[in-house]
Amino acid sequence: MKRLIATLLFVAAAAVATASDASAWTRSGAVTGPRGTTSCGGSGSCSGGTCAWQGGGTGPAGNSWSRSGSASCSAGSCTRQGQGTGPRGHSYSYSRTVSR
């Protein structure tokens, strides 16, 4: 259920991004918990119906992670894809297409 909600929110965001081209954003922050501080940040932009983003962070043990990706919508179908590296150095990739 959470994955469905996340996918629907993504499709809605991509549709809005299509309507407002050339938008860009950056975010950063830090959270301190019982094990220490985690800091993270990211940036992205949308233009011509395609959005791209990248981000990463560093955890309290000094391990870092990163993620980047893109999304586009066309003819009733939205696709997102990307790749990343987890805090222990393992790489992964993802891809998903949602159609009406």
Protein backbone atom coordinates (compact mmCIF):
# COMPACT_ATOMS: atom_id res chain seq x y z
CA MET A 1 0.00 0.00 0.00
CA LYS A 2 2.83 2.41 0.86
CA ARG A 3 4.46 1.70 -2.50
CA LEU A 4 1.19 2.44 -4.31
CA ILE A 5 0.77 5.74 -2.47
CA ALA A 6 4.39 6.69 -3.17
CA THR A 7 3.95 5.85 -6.86
CA LEU A 8 0.75 7.90 -7.08
CA LEU A 9 2.43 10.87 -5.41
CA PHE A 10 5.34 10.53 -7.82
CA VAL A 11 3.04 10.52 -10.85
CA ALA A 12 1.19 13.56 -9.52
CA ALA A 13 4.49 15.40 -8.94
CA ALA A 14 5.69 14.50 -12.43
CA ALA A 15 2.42 15.81 -13.91
CA VAL A 16 2.82 19.09 -12.04
CA ALA A 17 6.46 19.30 -13.13
CA THR A 18 5.34 18.87 -16.73
CA ALA A 19 3.03 21.85 -16.34
CA SER A 20 5.74 24.07 -14.82
CA ASP A 21 8.92 23.64 -16.84
CA ALA A 22 12.36 24.84 -15.84
CA SER A 23 11.79 24.53 -12.11
CA ALA A 24 14.70 23.66 -9.84
CA TRP A 25 15.07 22.88 -6.16
CA THR A 26 17.69 22.17 -3.51
CA ARG A 27 17.25 20.81 -0.01
CA SER A 28 19.58 20.04 2.87
CA GLY A 29 19.27 19.22 6.51
CA ALA A 30 20.53 17.31 9.49
CA VAL A 31 18.93 15.17 12.17
CA THR A 32 20.48 14.29 15.51
CA GLY A 33 19.36 11.15 17.30
CA PRO A 34 20.67 8.85 20.00
CA ARG A 35 23.38 7.44 17.68
CA GLY A 36 24.61 10.78 16.36
CA THR A 37 23.91 13.16 13.49
CA THR A 38 22.84 12.33 9.95
CA SER A 39 23.13 15.03 7.31
CA CYS A 40 21.66 14.91 3.82
CA GLY A 41 20.98 17.07 0.82
CA GLY A 42 19.76 16.95 -2.73
CA SER A 43 18.87 18.94 -5.77
CA GLY A 44 16.81 18.52 -8.89
CA SER A 45 15.19 20.24 -11.80
CA CYS A 46 12.40 19.76 -14.31
CA SER A 47 12.20 20.89 -17.90
CA GLY A 48 10.25 19.78 -20.95
CA GLY A 49 8.34 17.05 -19.11
CA THR A 50 11.45 15.43 -17.64
CA CYS A 51 12.74 15.75 -14.08
CA ALA A 52 16.14 14.74 -12.72
CA TRP A 53 17.47 14.67 -9.17
CA GLN A 54 20.50 13.70 -7.13
CA GLY A 55 21.20 13.58 -3.45
CA GLY A 56 23.05 11.92 -0.66
CA GLY A 57 24.07 12.06 2.92
CA THR A 58 26.36 10.94 5.68
CA GLY A 59 25.28 8.97 8.71
CA PRO A 60 26.52 9.13 12.30
CA ALA A 61 29.18 6.46 11.68
CA GLY A 62 30.59 8.43 8.74
CA ASN A 63 29.12 6.13 6.10
CA SER A 64 27.67 7.93 3.11
CA TRP A 65 24.95 7.16 0.57
CA SER A 66 23.89 8.67 -2.72
CA ARG A 67 20.99 8.44 -5.15
CA SER A 68 20.19 9.95 -8.51
CA GLY A 69 17.44 9.49 -11.02
CA SER A 70 15.07 10.87 -13.58
CA ALA A 71 11.41 10.75 -14.48
CA SER A 72 9.35 11.57 -17.53
CA CYS A 73 5.74 11.29 -18.63
CA SER A 74 4.36 10.86 -22.12
CA ALA A 75 1.10 9.60 -23.62
CA GLY A 76 -0.42 8.51 -20.31
CA SER A 77 2.66 6.69 -19.06
CA CYS A 78 5.26 7.85 -16.52
CA THR A 79 8.67 6.25 -16.08
CA ARG A 80 11.18 6.77 -13.28
CA GLN A 81 14.63 5.27 -13.07
CA GLY A 82 17.86 5.79 -11.24
CA GLN A 83 20.69 4.38 -9.25
CA GLY A 84 22.39 4.76 -5.93
CA THR A 85 24.97 3.54 -3.49
CA GLY A 86 24.08 2.56 0.06
CA PRO A 87 26.01 3.36 3.23
CA ARG A 88 27.94 0.09 3.05
CA GLY A 89 29.01 0.64 -0.55
CA HIS A 90 26.44 -1.58 -2.24
CA SER A 91 25.10 -0.22 -5.53
CA TYR A 92 21.53 -0.57 -6.75
CA SER A 93 19.32 0.60 -9.58
CA TYR A 94 15.59 0.99 -9.97
CA SER A 95 13.07 1.49 -12.76
CA ARG A 96 9.30 1.69 -12.77
CA THR A 97 6.65 2.61 -15.34
CA VAL A 98 3.10 3.53 -14.39
CA SER A 99 0.33 3.80 -16.99
CA ARG A 100 -3.20 5.11 -16.79
